[in-house]
Protein backbone atom coordinates (compact mmCIF):
# COMPACT_ATOMS: atom_id res chain seq x y z
CA UNK A 1 103.38 76.68 82.57
CA UNK A 2 102.28 74.36 79.72
CA UNK A 3 103.07 75.36 76.14
CA UNK A 4 99.46 74.62 75.22
CA UNK A 5 98.44 77.63 77.30
CA UNK A 6 100.43 79.98 75.05
CA UNK A 7 99.21 78.28 71.87
CA UNK A 8 95.60 78.45 73.05
CA UNK A 9 95.82 82.13 73.99
CA UNK A 10 97.44 83.01 70.67
CA UNK A 11 95.18 81.04 68.34
CA UNK A 12 91.82 81.75 69.99
CA UNK A 13 90.14 85.16 70.19
CA UNK A 14 90.98 87.75 71.23
CA UNK A 15 94.62 86.68 70.76
CA UNK A 16 94.28 85.81 67.08
CA UNK A 17 92.38 89.06 66.43
CA UNK A 18 95.07 91.16 68.11
CA UNK A 19 97.66 89.28 66.04
CA UNK A 20 95.76 90.17 62.86
CA UNK A 21 95.75 93.84 63.86
CA UNK A 22 99.48 93.66 64.55
CA UNK A 23 100.05 92.11 61.11
CA UNK A 24 97.96 94.86 59.54
CA UNK A 25 100.31 97.44 61.03
CA UNK A 26 103.40 95.45 60.02
CA UNK A 27 102.34 95.07 56.37
CA UNK A 28 100.77 98.52 56.00
CA UNK A 29 103.49 99.71 53.59
CA UNK A 30 104.92 96.57 52.01
CA UNK A 31 101.61 94.75 51.36
CA UNK A 32 98.72 97.21 51.80
CA UNK A 33 96.01 94.83 50.51
CA UNK A 34 97.03 92.10 52.92
CA UNK A 35 97.23 94.71 55.66
CA UNK A 36 93.70 95.86 54.84
CA UNK A 37 92.38 92.31 54.97
CA UNK A 38 94.07 91.65 58.32
CA UNK A 39 92.72 94.92 59.71
CA UNK A 40 89.18 94.16 58.57
CA UNK A 41 89.25 90.65 60.00
CA UNK A 42 90.82 91.74 63.27
CA UNK A 43 88.59 94.74 63.87
CA UNK A 44 85.47 92.99 62.54
CA UNK A 45 86.10 90.00 64.76
CA UNK A 46 86.55 92.19 67.84
CA UNK A 47 83.32 94.04 67.02
CA UNK A 48 81.33 90.81 66.63
CA UNK A 49 82.74 89.41 69.86
CA UNK A 50 81.64 92.52 71.72
CA UNK A 51 77.97 92.24 70.74
CA UNK A 52 75.54 90.70 73.29
CA UNK A 53 73.34 89.50 70.44
CA UNK A 54 76.23 87.46 69.01
CA UNK A 55 76.80 85.92 72.44
CA UNK A 56 73.11 85.01 72.58
CA UNK A 57 73.08 83.43 69.12
CA UNK A 58 76.35 81.56 69.67
CA UNK A 59 75.27 80.21 73.04
CA UNK A 60 72.05 78.83 71.62
CA UNK A 61 74.08 76.67 69.25
CA UNK A 62 76.07 75.19 72.17
CA UNK A 63 73.42 75.00 74.90
CA UNK A 64 71.67 71.88 73.64
CA UNK A 65 70.83 70.37 77.04
CA UNK A 66 67.60 71.66 78.61
CA UNK A 67 67.51 72.83 82.26
CA UNK A 68 66.29 70.51 84.98
CA UNK A 69 62.63 71.09 85.79
CA UNK A 70 62.30 72.69 89.24
CA UNK A 71 59.74 70.11 90.31
CA UNK A 72 62.17 67.26 89.47
CA UNK A 73 64.91 68.18 91.96
CA UNK A 74 63.56 66.13 94.87
CA UNK A 75 63.23 63.05 92.65
CA UNK A 76 66.84 63.14 91.45
CA UNK A 77 67.74 60.38 93.92
CA UNK A 78 65.64 58.02 91.80
CA UNK A 79 67.70 58.85 88.70
CA UNK A 80 71.23 59.26 90.07
CA UNK A 81 73.59 58.21 92.85
CA UNK A 82 75.72 61.35 93.24
CA UNK A 83 76.21 64.94 92.10
CA UNK A 84 79.46 65.95 90.39
CA UNK A 85 80.39 69.65 90.30
CA UNK A 86 83.06 70.61 87.77
CA UNK A 87 85.74 73.17 88.62
CA UNK A 88 86.27 76.37 86.66
CA UNK A 89 89.63 77.73 87.80
CA UNK A 90 90.22 79.97 90.79
CA UNK A 91 90.85 83.54 91.83
CA UNK A 92 94.42 83.78 93.09
CA UNK A 93 95.05 85.24 96.55
CA UNK A 94 91.91 87.38 96.95
CA UNK A 95 92.91 90.00 99.58
CA UNK A 96 89.34 90.19 100.88
CA UNK A 97 89.52 86.54 101.93
CA UNK A 98 93.26 86.18 102.44
CA UNK A 99 93.34 83.08 100.27
CA UNK A 100 92.48 81.65 96.86
CA UNK A 101 88.76 81.53 96.04
CA UNK A 102 86.48 79.84 93.49
CA UNK A 103 85.62 81.87 90.41
CA UNK A 104 82.23 83.49 89.92
CA UNK A 105 81.31 80.68 87.53
CA UNK A 106 82.44 78.15 90.11
CA UNK A 107 80.23 79.74 92.75
CA UNK A 108 77.30 79.64 90.35
CA UNK A 109 77.84 75.91 89.90
CA UNK A 110 78.26 75.37 93.64
CA UNK A 111 75.05 77.20 94.46
CA UNK A 112 73.06 75.11 91.99
CA UNK A 113 74.67 71.85 93.16
CA UNK A 114 73.95 72.77 96.78
CA UNK A 115 70.28 73.36 96.02
CA UNK A 116 70.08 70.03 94.17
CA UNK A 117 71.87 68.22 97.00
CA UNK A 118 69.55 69.64 99.65
CA UNK A 119 66.46 68.82 97.61
CA UNK A 120 67.52 65.28 96.68
CA UNK A 121 69.81 64.18 99.50
CA UNK A 122 72.43 63.04 96.99
CA UNK A 123 76.14 63.13 98.00
CA UNK A 124 78.46 65.55 96.19
CA UNK A 125 81.84 65.18 94.51
CA UNK A 126 83.85 68.25 93.49
CA UNK A 127 86.23 67.81 90.57
CA UNK A 128 89.23 70.00 89.73
CA UNK A 129 92.98 69.75 90.14
CA UNK A 130 95.80 72.20 90.74
CA UNK A 131 95.66 75.45 88.79
CA UNK A 132 98.98 75.61 86.91
CA UNK A 133 100.48 73.26 89.50
CA UNK A 134 99.82 75.46 92.53
CA UNK A 135 97.81 74.24 95.55
CA UNK A 136 95.13 74.21 96.79
CA UNK A 137 93.13 72.24 94.25
CA UNK A 138 89.95 73.57 92.68
CA UNK A 139 88.08 70.64 94.23
CA UNK A 140 89.32 71.60 97.71
CA UNK A 141 88.36 75.25 97.23
CA UNK A 142 84.88 74.28 96.08
CA UNK A 143 84.43 71.82 98.92
CA UNK A 144 85.34 74.47 101.49
CA UNK A 145 83.05 77.01 99.86
CA UNK A 146 80.13 74.58 99.61
CA UNK A 147 80.37 73.88 103.32
CA UNK A 148 80.93 77.44 104.54
CA UNK A 149 78.75 79.30 102.03
CA UNK A 150 75.99 76.81 101.23
CA UNK A 151 75.97 74.39 104.16
CA UNK A 152 76.67 71.27 102.10
CA UNK A 153 79.37 68.77 103.04
CA UNK A 154 81.27 67.36 100.04
CA UNK A 155 81.74 63.59 100.26
CA UNK A 156 84.55 63.20 97.71
CA UNK A 157 87.17 65.47 96.13
CA UNK A 158 88.82 64.64 92.81
CA UNK A 159 91.93 66.82 92.93
CA UNK A 160 94.06 65.84 89.92
CA UNK A 161 92.14 66.78 86.77
CA UNK A 162 93.12 69.65 84.50
CA UNK A 163 90.60 69.26 81.67
CA UNK A 164 86.99 68.22 81.21
CA UNK A 165 88.14 64.85 79.90
CA UNK A 166 90.22 64.33 83.04
CA UNK A 167 87.30 65.52 85.21
CA UNK A 168 85.34 62.57 83.86
CA UNK A 169 88.12 59.97 83.90
CA UNK A 170 89.38 60.79 87.37
CA UNK A 171 85.90 61.12 88.83
CA UNK A 172 85.30 57.62 87.47
CA UNK A 173 88.34 56.38 89.39
CA UNK A 174 86.72 57.66 92.59
CA UNK A 175 83.07 56.75 92.03
CA UNK A 176 82.89 53.64 89.85
CA UNK A 177 84.67 51.38 92.39
CA UNK A 178 81.95 52.43 94.86
CA UNK A 179 79.25 51.30 92.46
CA UNK A 180 78.22 54.85 91.61
CA UNK A 181 77.47 54.88 87.88
CA UNK A 182 74.66 57.43 87.64
CA UNK A 183 75.68 61.03 88.23
CA UNK A 184 74.15 64.48 88.05
CA UNK A 185 76.76 66.67 86.34
CA UNK A 186 76.65 70.38 87.19
CA UNK A 187 78.41 72.82 84.88
CA UNK A 188 77.66 75.77 82.60
CA UNK A 189 74.97 75.20 79.98
CA UNK A 190 77.42 75.89 77.13
CA UNK A 191 79.91 73.43 78.65
CA UNK A 192 77.39 70.66 79.28
CA UNK A 193 77.44 68.83 75.90
CA UNK A 194 81.21 68.23 76.11
CA UNK A 195 80.95 67.35 79.80
CA UNK A 196 78.13 64.88 79.25
CA UNK A 197 79.99 63.28 76.35
CA UNK A 198 83.17 62.93 78.45
CA UNK A 199 81.39 61.42 81.45
CA UNK A 200 79.47 58.98 79.29
CA UNK A 201 82.74 57.91 77.68
CA UNK A 202 84.12 57.36 81.19
CA UNK A 203 81.32 54.88 81.94
CA UNK A 204 78.66 57.01 83.63
CA UNK A 205 74.97 57.48 83.00
CA UNK A 206 74.58 61.25 83.10
CA UNK A 207 71.74 63.44 84.28
CA UNK A 208 72.68 66.89 82.89
CA UNK A 209 72.17 69.81 85.29
CA UNK A 210 73.21 72.88 83.26
CA UNK A 211 73.31 76.33 84.82
CA UNK A 212 74.28 79.82 83.66
CA UNK A 213 72.50 79.90 80.32
CA UNK A 214 73.71 82.61 77.92
CA UNK A 215 71.44 81.82 74.98
CA UNK A 216 68.49 83.72 76.42
CA UNK A 217 67.06 87.16 75.75
CA UNK A 218 69.97 89.51 76.50
CA UNK A 219 67.58 92.30 77.59
CA UNK A 220 69.99 94.91 76.22
CA UNK A 221 69.02 98.20 74.54
CA UNK A 222 68.78 97.99 70.75
CA UNK A 223 68.48 94.22 70.97
CA UNK A 224 72.10 93.75 71.99
CA UNK A 225 73.70 95.42 68.97
CA UNK A 226 75.75 97.85 71.05
CA UNK A 227 79.26 96.61 71.97
CA UNK A 228 79.89 95.62 75.58
CA UNK A 229 83.15 94.59 77.23
CA UNK A 230 81.52 91.66 79.07
CA UNK A 231 80.47 90.15 75.76
CA UNK A 232 84.09 89.92 74.62
CA UNK A 233 84.87 87.61 77.56
CA UNK A 234 81.70 85.59 77.04
CA UNK A 235 82.39 85.21 73.32
CA UNK A 236 85.86 83.97 74.14
CA UNK A 237 84.41 81.33 76.46
CA UNK A 238 81.98 80.17 73.79
CA UNK A 239 84.67 80.06 71.11
CA UNK A 240 86.91 78.02 73.38
CA UNK A 241 84.05 75.61 74.03
CA UNK A 242 83.23 75.21 70.33
CA UNK A 243 86.87 74.37 69.58
CA UNK A 244 86.92 72.02 72.57
CA UNK A 245 83.89 70.09 71.34
CA UNK A 246 85.47 69.54 67.94
CA UNK A 247 88.84 68.62 69.42
CA UNK A 248 87.41 66.11 71.88
CA UNK A 249 85.60 64.22 69.15
CA UNK A 250 88.76 64.12 67.05
CA UNK A 251 91.23 63.06 69.74
CA UNK A 252 89.16 61.21 72.36
CA UNK A 253 87.18 58.24 71.09
């Protein structure tokens, strides 16, 4: 398992917040002021991450690409040559299915890509490699699901990528030699800016097709100011994406 996994889990919430709480306990006697600061940051950070309203506000800052207009789906073939669906991990060995399955986010992307493919007639490529080196690939899982669950046959599978940057580069190795330079990219709305940037760097003209918007009215009681467990996970996804956007622009040029 790559060392970057451990670094990422430790330095991004909730890992860093749990570390701050652990430090608060460790320094509670020897350095009480430092312990108090660590406790306030750790607990305050966990509280903010658990608020639906914070998820909503944070997502709005990341979700800069507008949704595709419903009446434009059929005309996508005039703007693009293929649809690329990005992987999002997998659920390991689901007993209900007897095999690995796409994640809920992955299914959301597949469903949207299938609707676009049926409306436009565009061919589909799924992109996603091995999850921590274990087969099958994310691309293969998505291709099987798109056929069996949504009735869409995937034309190409890019099965080596591990990151968004590699999604773009390795999809380019498949599609550009075929003369396919215009692609509809399907991924989460908060992930779309980094995805579009990566695919444009790889030589594509991109038609963004974001799905799964979080920066909308959360419809929660009290305006979303009551903590919810789901919001902790969503906040973590948004934090990871914000760090990813900064990192990509620093290291990939």
